């Protein structure tokens, strides 16, 4: 399993990502498109940290593996919504480029954890 120090660091990092995401979304201008994109992004982005925290309190290795899979899916979905926002040019890129970068890094981290779990590698 992941060391307690690394778990705590990643829990803080995912929580900070959620906070930054909320702050970004809260200042977006209201429109039908923005509202839909923001809602989807908010749901998937904030669930990364919530599900990771839940994974760290899993009842078994199988439960942990399952919950990390959910975190991977939510990370990937968040990446998708941020990419859409980037590629449609409806938003100021510089406002959310740090979110896009952090989202990519989180996805890579959770993908790596998932692969190690699937290979039976002890984390």
PDB file of N, CA and C in Angstrom:
ATOM      1  N   UNK A   1       0.836  -1.187   0.000  1.00  0.00           N
ATOM      2  CA  UNK A   1       0.000   0.000   0.000  1.00  0.00           C
ATOM      3  C   UNK A   1       0.878   1.247   0.000  1.00  0.00           C
ATOM      4  N   UNK A   2       0.302   2.360  -0.280  1.00  0.00           N
ATOM      5  CA  UNK A   2       1.015   3.632  -0.315  1.00  0.00           C
ATOM      6  C   UNK A   2       1.354   4.048   1.109  1.00  0.00           C
ATOM      7  N   UNK A   3       2.567   4.585   1.309  1.00  0.00           N
ATOM      8  CA  UNK A   3       2.971   5.053   2.630  1.00  0.00           C
ATOM      9  C   UNK A   3       2.070   6.161   3.133  1.00  0.00           C
ATOM     10  N   UNK A   4       1.928   6.255   4.447  1.00  0.00           N
ATOM     11  CA  UNK A   4       0.996   7.230   5.028  1.00  0.00           C
ATOM     12  C   UNK A   4       1.382   8.669   4.700  1.00  0.00           C
ATOM     13  N   UNK A   5       2.676   8.960   4.599  1.00  0.00           N
ATOM     14  CA  UNK A   5       3.114  10.314   4.248  1.00  0.00           C
ATOM     15  C   UNK A   5       2.708  10.666   2.818  1.00  0.00           C
ATOM     16  N   UNK A   6       2.898   9.704   1.901  1.00  0.00           N
ATOM     17  CA  UNK A   6       2.512   9.935   0.503  1.00  0.00           C
ATOM     18  C   UNK A   6       0.995  10.048   0.367  1.00  0.00           C
ATOM     19  N   UNK A   7       0.274   9.231   1.138  1.00  0.00           N
ATOM     20  CA  UNK A   7      -1.191   9.316   1.119  1.00  0.00           C
ATOM     21  C   UNK A   7      -1.646  10.703   1.552  1.00  0.00           C
ATOM     22  N   UNK A   8      -1.079  11.180   2.653  1.00  0.00           N
ATOM     23  CA  UNK A   8      -1.465  12.497   3.179  1.00  0.00           C
ATOM     24  C   UNK A   8      -1.120  13.596   2.183  1.00  0.00           C
ATOM     25  N   UNK A   9       0.044  13.499   1.552  1.00  0.00           N
ATOM     26  CA  UNK A   9       0.441  14.502   0.557  1.00  0.00           C
ATOM     27  C   UNK A   9      -0.521  14.506  -0.628  1.00  0.00           C
ATOM     28  N   UNK A  10      -0.884  13.320  -1.094  1.00  0.00           N
ATOM     29  CA  UNK A  10      -1.790  13.227  -2.234  1.00  0.00           C
ATOM     30  C   UNK A  10      -3.208  13.647  -1.847  1.00  0.00           C
ATOM     31  N   UNK A  11      -3.608  13.379  -0.624  1.00  0.00           N
ATOM     32  CA  UNK A  11      -4.913  13.870  -0.159  1.00  0.00           C
ATOM     33  C   UNK A  11      -4.928  15.394  -0.140  1.00  0.00           C
ATOM     34  N   UNK A  12      -3.858  15.998   0.347  1.00  0.00           N
ATOM     35  CA  UNK A  12      -3.778  17.472   0.355  1.00  0.00           C
ATOM     36  C   UNK A  12      -3.779  18.023  -1.073  1.00  0.00           C
ATOM     37  N   UNK A  13      -3.041  17.365  -1.930  1.00  0.00           N
ATOM     38  CA  UNK A  13      -2.934  17.825  -3.320  1.00  0.00           C
ATOM     39  C   UNK A  13      -4.283  17.744  -4.037  1.00  0.00           C
ATOM     40  N   UNK A  14      -5.005  16.653  -3.848  1.00  0.00           N
ATOM     41  CA  UNK A  14      -6.308  16.537  -4.509  1.00  0.00           C
ATOM     42  C   UNK A  14      -7.323  17.511  -3.916  1.00  0.00           C
ATOM     43  N   UNK A  15      -7.210  17.775  -2.619  1.00  0.00           N
ATOM     44  CA  UNK A  15      -8.107  18.759  -1.999  1.00  0.00           C
ATOM     45  C   UNK A  15      -7.806  20.156  -2.531  1.00  0.00           C
ATOM     46  N   UNK A  16      -6.535  20.497  -2.650  1.00  0.00           N
ATOM     47  CA  UNK A  16      -6.150  21.798  -3.198  1.00  0.00           C
ATOM     48  C   UNK A  16      -6.619  21.934  -4.644  1.00  0.00           C
ATOM     49  N   UNK A  17      -6.531  20.850  -5.406  1.00  0.00           N
ATOM     50  CA  UNK A  17      -7.034  20.866  -6.779  1.00  0.00           C
ATOM     51  C   UNK A  17      -8.524  21.191  -6.777  1.00  0.00           C
ATOM     52  N   UNK A  18      -9.280  20.566  -5.890  1.00  0.00           N
ATOM     53  CA  UNK A  18     -10.719  20.841  -5.791  1.00  0.00           C
ATOM     54  C   UNK A  18     -10.983  22.297  -5.433  1.00  0.00           C
ATOM     55  N   UNK A  19     -10.230  22.817  -4.488  1.00  0.00           N
ATOM     56  CA  UNK A  19     -10.399  24.217  -4.075  1.00  0.00           C
ATOM     57  C   UNK A  19     -10.117  25.155  -5.241  1.00  0.00           C
ATOM     58  N   UNK A  20      -9.033  24.914  -5.960  1.00  0.00           N
ATOM     59  CA  UNK A  20      -8.693  25.761  -7.112  1.00  0.00           C
ATOM     60  C   UNK A  20      -9.731  25.644  -8.219  1.00  0.00           C
ATOM     61  N   UNK A  21     -10.266  24.458  -8.401  1.00  0.00           N
ATOM     62  CA  UNK A  21     -11.314  24.242  -9.390  1.00  0.00           C
ATOM     63  C   UNK A  21     -12.575  25.019  -9.020  1.00  0.00           C
ATOM     64  N   UNK A  22     -12.965  24.965  -7.764  1.00  0.00           N
ATOM     65  CA  UNK A  22     -14.143  25.703  -7.290  1.00  0.00           C
ATOM     66  C   UNK A  22     -13.946  27.199  -7.495  1.00  0.00           C
ATOM     67  N   UNK A  23     -12.770  27.699  -7.160  1.00  0.00           N
ATOM     68  CA  UNK A  23     -12.485  29.127  -7.341  1.00  0.00           C
ATOM     69  C   UNK A  23     -12.547  29.518  -8.814  1.00  0.00           C
ATOM     70  N   UNK A  24     -12.000  28.675  -9.683  1.00  0.00           N
ATOM     71  CA  UNK A  24     -12.039  28.946 -11.122  1.00  0.00           C
ATOM     72  C   UNK A  24     -13.481  28.992 -11.626  1.00  0.00           C
ATOM     73  N   UNK A  25     -14.259  27.990 -11.265  1.00  0.00           N
ATOM     74  CA  UNK A  25     -15.638  27.897 -11.740  1.00  0.00           C
ATOM     75  C   UNK A  25     -16.490  29.038 -11.195  1.00  0.00           C
ATOM     76  N   UNK A  26     -16.222  29.462  -9.981  1.00  0.00           N
ATOM     77  CA  UNK A  26     -17.057  30.491  -9.353  1.00  0.00           C
ATOM     78  C   UNK A  26     -16.977  31.844 -10.049  1.00  0.00           C
ATOM     79  N   UNK A  27     -15.941  32.088 -10.820  1.00  0.00           N
ATOM     80  CA  UNK A  27     -15.812  33.385 -11.499  1.00  0.00           C
ATOM     81  C   UNK A  27     -16.137  33.316 -12.990  1.00  0.00           C
ATOM     82  N   UNK A  28     -16.528  32.156 -13.476  1.00  0.00           N
ATOM     83  CA  UNK A  28     -16.884  32.054 -14.891  1.00  0.00           C
ATOM     84  C   UNK A  28     -18.191  32.792 -15.156  1.00  0.00           C
ATOM     85  N   UNK A  29     -18.277  33.459 -16.303  1.00  0.00           N
ATOM     86  CA  UNK A  29     -19.540  34.111 -16.647  1.00  0.00           C
ATOM     87  C   UNK A  29     -20.639  33.065 -16.862  1.00  0.00           C
ATOM     88  N   UNK A  30     -21.857  33.413 -16.500  1.00  0.00           N
ATOM     89  CA  UNK A  30     -22.987  32.495 -16.630  1.00  0.00           C
ATOM     90  C   UNK A  30     -23.487  32.476 -18.069  1.00  0.00           C
ATOM     91  N   UNK A  31     -23.667  31.283 -18.591  1.00  0.00           N
ATOM     92  CA  UNK A  31     -24.305  31.046 -19.885  1.00  0.00           C
ATOM     93  C   UNK A  31     -24.718  29.580 -19.894  1.00  0.00           C
ATOM     94  N   UNK A  32     -25.553  29.198 -20.838  1.00  0.00           N
ATOM     95  CA  UNK A  32     -25.989  27.802 -20.893  1.00  0.00           C
ATOM     96  C   UNK A  32     -24.803  26.859 -21.052  1.00  0.00           C
ATOM     97  N   UNK A  33     -23.899  27.205 -21.953  1.00  0.00           N
ATOM     98  CA  UNK A  33     -22.730  26.352 -22.194  1.00  0.00           C
ATOM     99  C   UNK A  33     -21.828  26.313 -20.967  1.00  0.00           C
ATOM    100  N   UNK A  34     -21.507  27.476 -20.433  1.00  0.00           N
ATOM    101  CA  UNK A  34     -20.631  27.535 -19.256  1.00  0.00           C
ATOM    102  C   UNK A  34     -21.229  26.778 -18.079  1.00  0.00           C
ATOM    103  N   UNK A  35     -22.534  26.900 -17.903  1.00  0.00           N
ATOM    104  CA  UNK A  35     -23.180  26.233 -16.774  1.00  0.00           C
ATOM    105  C   UNK A  35     -23.056  24.713 -16.881  1.00  0.00           C
ATOM    106  N   UNK A  36     -23.261  24.180 -18.084  1.00  0.00           N
ATOM    107  CA  UNK A  36     -23.160  22.730 -18.282  1.00  0.00           C
ATOM    108  C   UNK A  36     -21.718  22.264 -18.095  1.00  0.00           C
ATOM    109  N   UNK A  37     -20.785  22.939 -18.757  1.00  0.00           N
ATOM    110  CA  UNK A  37     -19.378  22.562 -18.628  1.00  0.00           C
ATOM    111  C   UNK A  37     -18.902  22.681 -17.181  1.00  0.00           C
ATOM    112  N   UNK A  38     -19.280  23.764 -16.539  1.00  0.00           N
ATOM    113  CA  UNK A  38     -18.867  23.992 -15.151  1.00  0.00           C
ATOM    114  C   UNK A  38     -19.415  22.920 -14.224  1.00  0.00           C
ATOM    115  N   UNK A  39     -20.674  22.571 -14.418  1.00  0.00           N
ATOM    116  CA  UNK A  39     -21.304  21.558 -13.574  1.00  0.00           C
ATOM    117  C   UNK A  39     -20.599  20.207 -13.719  1.00  0.00           C
ATOM    118  N   UNK A  40     -20.359  19.814 -14.970  1.00  0.00           N
ATOM    119  CA  UNK A  40     -19.689  18.534 -15.215  1.00  0.00           C
ATOM    120  C   UNK A  40     -18.277  18.540 -14.637  1.00  0.00           C
ATOM    121  N   UNK A  41     -17.564  19.636 -14.857  1.00  0.00           N
ATOM    122  CA  UNK A  41     -16.198  19.766 -14.356  1.00  0.00           C
ATOM    123  C   UNK A  41     -16.171  19.754 -12.832  1.00  0.00           C
ATOM    124  N   UNK A  42     -17.096  20.458 -12.232  1.00  0.00           N
ATOM    125  CA  UNK A  42     -17.159  20.515 -10.772  1.00  0.00           C
ATOM    126  C   UNK A  42     -17.423  19.133 -10.172  1.00  0.00           C
ATOM    127  N   UNK A  43     -18.359  18.395 -10.774  1.00  0.00           N
ATOM    128  CA  UNK A  43     -18.686  17.060 -10.262  1.00  0.00           C
ATOM    129  C   UNK A  43     -17.495  16.115 -10.355  1.00  0.00           C
ATOM    130  N   UNK A  44     -16.904  16.035 -11.537  1.00  0.00           N
ATOM    131  CA  UNK A  44     -15.809  15.076 -11.709  1.00  0.00           C
ATOM    132  C   UNK A  44     -14.546  15.523 -10.980  1.00  0.00           C
ATOM    133  N   UNK A  45     -14.248  16.810 -11.047  1.00  0.00           N
ATOM    134  CA  UNK A  45     -13.011  17.313 -10.448  1.00  0.00           C
ATOM    135  C   UNK A  45     -12.969  17.222  -8.939  1.00  0.00           C
ATOM    136  N   UNK A  46     -14.079  17.533  -8.296  1.00  0.00           N
ATOM    137  CA  UNK A  46     -14.086  17.468  -6.830  1.00  0.00           C
ATOM    138  C   UNK A  46     -14.213  16.033  -6.322  1.00  0.00           C
ATOM    139  N   UNK A  47     -14.713  15.150  -7.165  1.00  0.00           N
ATOM    140  CA  UNK A  47     -14.838  13.757  -6.720  1.00  0.00           C
ATOM    141  C   UNK A  47     -13.493  13.032  -6.703  1.00  0.00           C
ATOM    142  N   UNK A  48     -12.480  13.583  -7.370  1.00  0.00           N
ATOM    143  CA  UNK A  48     -11.153  12.954  -7.352  1.00  0.00           C
ATOM    144  C   UNK A  48     -10.651  12.854  -5.914  1.00  0.00           C
ATOM    145  N   UNK A  49     -10.626  13.979  -5.233  1.00  0.00           N
ATOM    146  CA  UNK A  49     -10.142  13.995  -3.855  1.00  0.00           C
ATOM    147  C   UNK A  49     -11.039  13.228  -2.905  1.00  0.00           C
ATOM    148  N   UNK A  50     -12.345  13.359  -3.096  1.00  0.00           N
ATOM    149  CA  UNK A  50     -13.285  12.657  -2.212  1.00  0.00           C
ATOM    150  C   UNK A  50     -13.134  11.144  -2.347  1.00  0.00           C
ATOM    151  N   UNK A  51     -13.028  10.674  -3.573  1.00  0.00           N
ATOM    152  CA  UNK A  51     -12.891   9.232  -3.787  1.00  0.00           C
ATOM    153  C   UNK A  51     -11.515   8.720  -3.383  1.00  0.00           C
ATOM    154  N   UNK A  52     -10.488   9.549  -3.556  1.00  0.00           N
ATOM    155  CA  UNK A  52      -9.159   9.127  -3.107  1.00  0.00           C
ATOM    156  C   UNK A  52      -9.125   9.009  -1.582  1.00  0.00           C
ATOM    157  N   UNK A  53      -9.731   9.961  -0.915  1.00  0.00           N
ATOM    158  CA  UNK A  53      -9.795   9.901   0.552  1.00  0.00           C
ATOM    159  C   UNK A  53     -10.547   8.638   0.989  1.00  0.00           C
ATOM    160  N   UNK A  54     -11.631   8.349   0.293  1.00  0.00           N
ATOM    161  CA  UNK A  54     -12.397   7.143   0.605  1.00  0.00           C
ATOM    162  C   UNK A  54     -11.568   5.882   0.339  1.00  0.00           C
ATOM    163  N   UNK A  55     -10.790   5.882  -0.741  1.00  0.00           N
ATOM    164  CA  UNK A  55      -9.931   4.733  -1.054  1.00  0.00           C
ATOM    165  C   UNK A  55      -8.936   4.474   0.068  1.00  0.00           C
ATOM    166  N   UNK A  56      -8.411   5.538   0.638  1.00  0.00           N
ATOM    167  CA  UNK A  56      -7.436   5.389   1.717  1.00  0.00           C
ATOM    168  C   UNK A  56      -8.045   4.819   2.990  1.00  0.00           C
ATOM    169  N   UNK A  57      -9.344   4.770   3.041  1.00  0.00           N
ATOM    170  CA  UNK A  57     -10.026   4.184   4.185  1.00  0.00           C
ATOM    171  C   UNK A  57     -10.768   2.903   3.776  1.00  0.00           C
ATOM    172  N   UNK A  58     -10.278   2.301   2.703  1.00  0.00           N
ATOM    173  CA  UNK A  58     -10.903   1.085   2.172  1.00  0.00           C
ATOM    174  C   UNK A  58     -10.811  -0.054   3.178  1.00  0.00           C
ATOM    175  N   UNK A  59     -11.763  -0.958   3.069  1.00  0.00           N
ATOM    176  CA  UNK A  59     -11.842  -2.074   4.005  1.00  0.00           C
ATOM    177  C   UNK A  59     -10.973  -3.255   3.599  1.00  0.00           C
ATOM    178  N   UNK A  60     -10.528  -3.272   2.349  1.00  0.00           N
ATOM    179  CA  UNK A  60      -9.689  -4.371   1.867  1.00  0.00           C
ATOM    180  C   UNK A  60      -8.873  -3.878   0.674  1.00  0.00           C
ATOM    181  N   UNK A  61      -7.925  -4.711   0.236  1.00  0.00           N
ATOM    182  CA  UNK A  61      -7.136  -4.360  -0.949  1.00  0.00           C
ATOM    183  C   UNK A  61      -8.026  -4.283  -2.186  1.00  0.00           C
ATOM    184  N   UNK A  62      -8.985  -5.200  -2.281  1.00  0.00           N
ATOM    185  CA  UNK A  62      -9.908  -5.174  -3.420  1.00  0.00           C
ATOM    186  C   UNK A  62     -10.747  -3.902  -3.416  1.00  0.00           C
ATOM    187  N   UNK A  63     -11.187  -3.493  -2.243  1.00  0.00           N
ATOM    188  CA  UNK A  63     -11.957  -2.255  -2.105  1.00  0.00           C
ATOM    189  C   UNK A  63     -11.094  -1.056  -2.504  1.00  0.00           C
ATOM    190  N   UNK A  64      -9.841  -1.041  -2.053  1.00  0.00           N
ATOM    191  CA  UNK A  64      -8.906   0.028  -2.412  1.00  0.00           C
ATOM    192  C   UNK A  64      -8.716   0.077  -3.929  1.00  0.00           C
ATOM    193  N   UNK A  65      -8.492  -1.083  -4.519  1.00  0.00           N
ATOM    194  CA  UNK A  65      -8.291  -1.173  -5.970  1.00  0.00           C
ATOM    195  C   UNK A  65      -9.511  -0.642  -6.721  1.00  0.00           C
ATOM    196  N   UNK A  66     -10.685  -1.032  -6.279  1.00  0.00           N
ATOM    197  CA  UNK A  66     -11.922  -0.570  -6.917  1.00  0.00           C
ATOM    198  C   UNK A  66     -12.051   0.956  -6.827  1.00  0.00           C
ATOM    199  N   UNK A  67     -11.789   1.496  -5.655  1.00  0.00           N
ATOM    200  CA  UNK A  67     -11.937   2.941  -5.455  1.00  0.00           C
ATOM    201  C   UNK A  67     -10.881   3.729  -6.227  1.00  0.00           C
ATOM    202  N   UNK A  68      -9.675   3.188  -6.336  1.00  0.00           N
ATOM    203  CA  UNK A  68      -8.647   3.846  -7.150  1.00  0.00           C
ATOM    204  C   UNK A  68      -9.087   3.852  -8.614  1.00  0.00           C
ATOM    205  N   UNK A  69      -9.759   2.798  -9.046  1.00  0.00           N
ATOM    206  CA  UNK A  69     -10.307   2.772 -10.406  1.00  0.00           C
ATOM    207  C   UNK A  69     -11.307   3.897 -10.628  1.00  0.00           C
ATOM    208  N   UNK A  70     -12.125   4.168  -9.629  1.00  0.00           N
ATOM    209  CA  UNK A  70     -13.081   5.281  -9.712  1.00  0.00           C
ATOM    210  C   UNK A  70     -12.328   6.609  -9.793  1.00  0.00           C
ATOM    211  N   UNK A  71     -11.278   6.749  -8.995  1.00  0.00           N
ATOM    212  CA  UNK A  71     -10.478   7.981  -9.019  1.00  0.00           C
ATOM    213  C   UNK A  71      -9.862   8.174 -10.404  1.00  0.00           C
ATOM    214  N   UNK A  72      -9.363   7.093 -11.002  1.00  0.00           N
ATOM    215  CA  UNK A  72      -8.808   7.179 -12.357  1.00  0.00           C
ATOM    216  C   UNK A  72      -9.867   7.674 -13.343  1.00  0.00           C
ATOM    217  N   UNK A  73     -11.052   7.110 -13.268  1.00  0.00           N
ATOM    218  CA  UNK A  73     -12.124   7.505 -14.187  1.00  0.00           C
ATOM    219  C   UNK A  73     -12.501   8.970 -14.001  1.00  0.00           C
ATOM    220  N   UNK A  74     -12.606   9.407 -12.761  1.00  0.00           N
ATOM    221  CA  UNK A  74     -12.959  10.804 -12.498  1.00  0.00           C
ATOM    222  C   UNK A  74     -11.841  11.745 -12.947  1.00  0.00           C
ATOM    223  N   UNK A  75     -10.591  11.320 -12.779  1.00  0.00           N
ATOM    224  CA  UNK A  75      -9.459  12.124 -13.243  1.00  0.00           C
ATOM    225  C   UNK A  75      -9.485  12.261 -14.760  1.00  0.00           C
ATOM    226  N   UNK A  76      -9.784  11.164 -15.435  1.00  0.00           N
ATOM    227  CA  UNK A  76      -9.858  11.182 -16.894  1.00  0.00           C
ATOM    228  C   UNK A  76     -11.013  12.061 -17.373  1.00  0.00           C
ATOM    229  N   UNK A  77     -12.155  11.949 -16.709  1.00  0.00           N
ATOM    230  CA  UNK A  77     -13.302  12.785 -17.083  1.00  0.00           C
ATOM    231  C   UNK A  77     -12.997  14.264 -16.866  1.00  0.00           C
ATOM    232  N   UNK A  78     -12.350  14.582 -15.769  1.00  0.00           N
ATOM    233  CA  UNK A  78     -11.975  15.970 -15.485  1.00  0.00           C
ATOM    234  C   UNK A  78     -11.046  16.493 -16.568  1.00  0.00           C
ATOM    235  N   UNK A  79     -10.089  15.664 -16.951  1.00  0.00           N
ATOM    236  CA  UNK A  79      -9.162  16.032 -18.024  1.00  0.00           C
ATOM    237  C   UNK A  79      -9.945  16.333 -19.304  1.00  0.00           C
ATOM    238  N   UNK A  80     -10.937  15.521 -19.601  1.00  0.00           N
ATOM    239  CA  UNK A  80     -11.767  15.712 -20.792  1.00  0.00           C
ATOM    240  C   UNK A  80     -12.461  17.074 -20.783  1.00  0.00           C
ATOM    241  N   UNK A  81     -13.114  17.415 -19.663  1.00  0.00           N
ATOM    242  CA  UNK A  81     -13.838  18.690 -19.594  1.00  0.00           C
ATOM    243  C   UNK A  81     -12.877  19.868 -19.713  1.00  0.00           C
ATOM    244  N   UNK A  82     -11.715  19.759 -19.095  1.00  0.00           N
ATOM    245  CA  UNK A  82     -10.731  20.843 -19.205  1.00  0.00           C
ATOM    246  C   UNK A  82     -10.206  20.968 -20.632  1.00  0.00           C
ATOM    247  N   UNK A  83     -10.007  19.841 -21.299  1.00  0.00           N
ATOM    248  CA  UNK A  83      -9.568  19.877 -22.699  1.00  0.00           C
ATOM    249  C   UNK A  83     -10.629  20.529 -23.582  1.00  0.00           C
ATOM    250  N   UNK A  84     -11.898  20.205 -23.334  1.00  0.00           N
ATOM    251  CA  UNK A  84     -12.974  20.852 -24.099  1.00  0.00           C
ATOM    252  C   UNK A  84     -12.951  22.362 -23.897  1.00  0.00           C
ATOM    253  N   UNK A  85     -12.794  22.772 -22.663  1.00  0.00           N
ATOM    254  CA  UNK A  85     -12.755  24.206 -22.364  1.00  0.00           C
ATOM    255  C   UNK A  85     -11.568  24.862 -23.059  1.00  0.00           C
ATOM    256  N   UNK A  86     -10.470  24.159 -23.118  1.00  0.00           N
ATOM    257  CA  UNK A  86      -9.272  24.681 -23.766  1.00  0.00           C
ATOM    258  C   UNK A  86      -9.468  24.784 -25.277  1.00  0.00           C
ATOM    259  N   UNK A  87      -9.972  23.732 -25.878  1.00  0.00           N
ATOM    260  CA  UNK A  87     -10.032  23.649 -27.334  1.00  0.00           C
ATOM    261  C   UNK A  87     -11.188  24.423 -27.954  1.00  0.00           C
ATOM    262  N   UNK A  88     -12.173  24.813 -27.179  1.00  0.00           N
ATOM    263  CA  UNK A  88     -13.273  25.607 -27.727  1.00  0.00           C
ATOM    264  C   UNK A  88     -12.969  27.096 -27.735  1.00  0.00           C
ATOM    265  N   UNK A  89     -11.908  27.483 -27.052  1.00  0.00           N
ATOM    266  CA  UNK A  89     -11.504  28.897 -26.975  1.00  0.00           C
ATOM    267  C   UNK A  89     -12.596  29.797 -26.400  1.00  0.00           C
ATOM    268  N   UNK A  90     -13.452  29.251 -25.566  1.00  0.00           N
ATOM    269  CA  UNK A  90     -14.490  30.051 -24.922  1.00  0.00           C
ATOM    270  C   UNK A  90     -14.005  30.676 -23.619  1.00  0.00           C
ATOM    271  N   UNK A  91     -12.844  30.246 -23.174  1.00  0.00           N
ATOM    272  CA  UNK A  91     -12.330  30.685 -21.880  1.00  0.00           C
ATOM    273  C   UNK A  91     -10.904  31.191 -22.039  1.00  0.00           C
ATOM    274  N   UNK A  92     -10.490  31.996 -21.123  1.00  0.00           N
ATOM    275  CA  UNK A  92      -9.111  32.472 -21.088  1.00  0.00           C
ATOM    276  C   UNK A  92      -8.217  31.314 -20.654  1.00  0.00           C
ATOM    277  N   UNK A  93      -7.385  30.848 -21.572  1.00  0.00           N
ATOM    278  CA  UNK A  93      -6.532  29.680 -21.315  1.00  0.00           C
ATOM    279  C   UNK A  93      -5.683  29.831 -20.065  1.00  0.00           C
ATOM    280  N   UNK A  94      -5.193  31.012 -19.838  1.00  0.00           N
ATOM    281  CA  UNK A  94      -4.254  31.204 -18.740  1.00  0.00           C
ATOM    282  C   UNK A  94      -4.927  31.076 -17.377  1.00  0.00           C
ATOM    283  N   UNK A  95      -6.250  31.177 -17.360  1.00  0.00           N
ATOM    284  CA  UNK A  95      -6.971  30.985 -16.098  1.00  0.00           C
ATOM    285  C   UNK A  95      -6.985  29.524 -15.678  1.00  0.00           C
ATOM    286  N   UNK A  96      -7.053  28.634 -16.662  1.00  0.00           N
ATOM    287  CA  UNK A  96      -7.199  27.234 -16.279  1.00  0.00           C
ATOM    288  C   UNK A  96      -6.054  26.334 -16.718  1.00  0.00           C
ATOM    289  N   UNK A  97      -5.011  26.890 -17.322  1.00  0.00           N
ATOM    290  CA  UNK A  97      -3.868  26.051 -17.675  1.00  0.00           C
ATOM    291  C   UNK A  97      -3.243  25.357 -16.464  1.00  0.00           C
ATOM    292  N   UNK A  98      -3.126  26.033 -15.309  1.00  0.00           N
ATOM    293  CA  UNK A  98      -2.611  25.306 -14.135  1.00  0.00           C
ATOM    294  C   UNK A  98      -3.519  24.136 -13.730  1.00  0.00           C
ATOM    295  N   UNK A  99      -4.822  24.293 -13.890  1.00  0.00           N
ATOM    296  CA  UNK A  99      -5.748  23.198 -13.590  1.00  0.00           C
ATOM    297  C   UNK A  99      -5.556  22.049 -14.574  1.00  0.00           C
ATOM    298  N   UNK A 100      -5.375  22.386 -15.837  1.00  0.00           N
ATOM    299  CA  UNK A 100      -5.162  21.370 -16.861  1.00  0.00           C
ATOM    300  C   UNK A 100      -3.870  20.602 -16.585  1.00  0.00           C
ATOM    301  N   UNK A 101      -2.829  21.314 -16.208  1.00  0.00           N
ATOM    302  CA  UNK A 101      -1.540  20.683 -15.889  1.00  0.00           C
ATOM    303  C   UNK A 101      -1.680  19.771 -14.671  1.00  0.00           C
ATOM    304  N   UNK A 102      -2.305  20.270 -13.623  1.00  0.00           N
ATOM    305  CA  UNK A 102      -2.468  19.467 -12.407  1.00  0.00           C
ATOM    306  C   UNK A 102      -3.362  18.262 -12.673  1.00  0.00           C
ATOM    307  N   UNK A 103      -4.389  18.450 -13.470  1.00  0.00           N
ATOM    308  CA  UNK A 103      -5.273  17.347 -13.820  1.00  0.00           C
ATOM    309  C   UNK A 103      -4.496  16.250 -14.552  1.00  0.00           C
ATOM    310  N   UNK A 104      -3.628  16.643 -15.465  1.00  0.00           N
ATOM    311  CA  UNK A 104      -2.795  15.673 -16.193  1.00  0.00           C
ATOM    312  C   UNK A 104      -1.883  14.908 -15.244  1.00  0.00           C
ATOM    313  N   UNK A 105      -1.292  15.636 -14.306  1.00  0.00           N
ATOM    314  CA  UNK A 105      -0.393  14.993 -13.346  1.00  0.00           C
ATOM    315  C   UNK A 105      -1.145  14.034 -12.429  1.00  0.00           C
ATOM    316  N   UNK A 106      -2.314  14.444 -11.965  1.00  0.00           N
ATOM    317  CA  UNK A 106      -3.108  13.563 -11.102  1.00  0.00           C
ATOM    318  C   UNK A 106      -3.541  12.310 -11.858  1.00  0.00           C
ATOM    319  N   UNK A 107      -3.949  12.482 -13.111  1.00  0.00           N
ATOM    320  CA  UNK A 107      -4.342  11.329 -13.914  1.00  0.00           C
ATOM    321  C   UNK A 107      -3.167  10.365 -14.062  1.00  0.00           C
ATOM    322  N   UNK A 108      -1.979  10.894 -14.317  1.00  0.00           N
ATOM    323  CA  UNK A 108      -0.791  10.041 -14.450  1.00  0.00           C
ATOM    324  C   UNK A 108      -0.490   9.303 -13.140  1.00  0.00           C
ATOM    325  N   UNK A 109      -0.607   9.993 -12.028  1.00  0.00           N
ATOM    326  CA  UNK A 109      -0.345   9.377 -10.718  1.00  0.00           C
ATOM    327  C   UNK A 109      -1.328   8.238 -10.456  1.00  0.00           C
ATOM    328  N   UNK A 110      -2.618   8.504 -10.655  1.00  0.00           N
ATOM    329  CA  UNK A 110      -3.616   7.478 -10.345  1.00  0.00           C
ATOM    330  C   UNK A 110      -3.599   6.339 -11.361  1.00  0.00           C
ATOM    331  N   UNK A 111      -3.217   6.625 -12.596  1.00  0.00           N
ATOM    332  CA  UNK A 111      -3.045   5.563 -13.582  1.00  0.00           C
ATOM    333  C   UNK A 111      -1.891   4.656 -13.171  1.00  0.00           C
ATOM    334  N   UNK A 112      -0.808   5.256 -12.711  1.00  0.00           N
ATOM    335  CA  UNK A 112       0.343   4.480 -12.241  1.00  0.00           C
ATOM    336  C   UNK A 112      -0.030   3.606 -11.041  1.00  0.00           C
ATOM    337  N   UNK A 113      -0.755   4.184 -10.091  1.00  0.00           N
ATOM    338  CA  UNK A 113      -1.195   3.408  -8.921  1.00  0.00           C
ATOM    339  C   UNK A 113      -2.073   2.244  -9.377  1.00  0.00           C
ATOM    340  N   UNK A 114      -3.004   2.524 -10.293  1.00  0.00           N
ATOM    341  CA  UNK A 114      -3.893   1.476 -10.796  1.00  0.00           C
ATOM    342  C   UNK A 114      -3.141   0.358 -11.490  1.00  0.00           C
ATOM    343  N   UNK A 115      -2.141   0.714 -12.299  1.00  0.00           N
ATOM    344  CA  UNK A 115      -1.345  -0.309 -12.994  1.00  0.00           C
ATOM    345  C   UNK A 115      -0.576  -1.165 -12.000  1.00  0.00           C
ATOM    346  N   UNK A 116      -0.011  -0.524 -10.983  1.00  0.00           N
ATOM    347  CA  UNK A 116       0.727  -1.285  -9.966  1.00  0.00           C
ATOM    348  C   UNK A 116      -0.206  -2.229  -9.212  1.00  0.00           C
ATOM    349  N   UNK A 117      -1.406  -1.769  -8.945  1.00  0.00           N
ATOM    350  CA  UNK A 117      -2.378  -2.630  -8.265  1.00  0.00           C
ATOM    351  C   UNK A 117      -2.766  -3.811  -9.145  1.00  0.00           C
ATOM    352  N   UNK A 118      -2.946  -3.564 -10.440  1.00  0.00           N
ATOM    353  CA  UNK A 118      -3.331  -4.627 -11.362  1.00  0.00           C
ATOM    354  C   UNK A 118      -2.220  -5.644 -11.570  1.00  0.00           C
ATOM    355  N   UNK A 119      -0.973  -5.198 -11.439  1.00  0.00           N
ATOM    356  CA  UNK A 119       0.172  -6.104 -11.583  1.00  0.00           C
ATOM    357  C   UNK A 119       0.503  -6.812 -10.282  1.00  0.00           C
ATOM    358  N   UNK A 120      -0.145  -6.406  -9.212  1.00  0.00           N
ATOM    359  CA  UNK A 120       0.136  -7.004  -7.915  1.00  0.00           C
ATOM    360  C   UNK A 120       1.369  -6.439  -7.251  1.00  0.00           C
ATOM    361  N   UNK A 121       1.891  -5.344  -7.792  1.00  0.00           N
ATOM    362  CA  UNK A 121       3.054  -4.701  -7.198  1.00  0.00           C
ATOM    363  C   UNK A 121       2.647  -4.045  -5.893  1.00  0.00           C
ATOM    364  N   UNK A 122       3.417  -4.255  -4.871  1.00  0.00           N
ATOM    365  CA  UNK A 122       3.132  -3.628  -3.580  1.00  0.00           C
ATOM    366  C   UNK A 122       3.502  -2.170  -3.671  1.00  0.00           C
ATOM    367  N   UNK A 123       2.592  -1.302  -3.254  1.00  0.00           N
ATOM    368  CA  UNK A 123       2.847   0.139  -3.308  1.00  0.00           C
ATOM    369  C   UNK A 123       3.494   0.602  -2.040  1.00  0.00           C
TER     370      UNK A 123
END
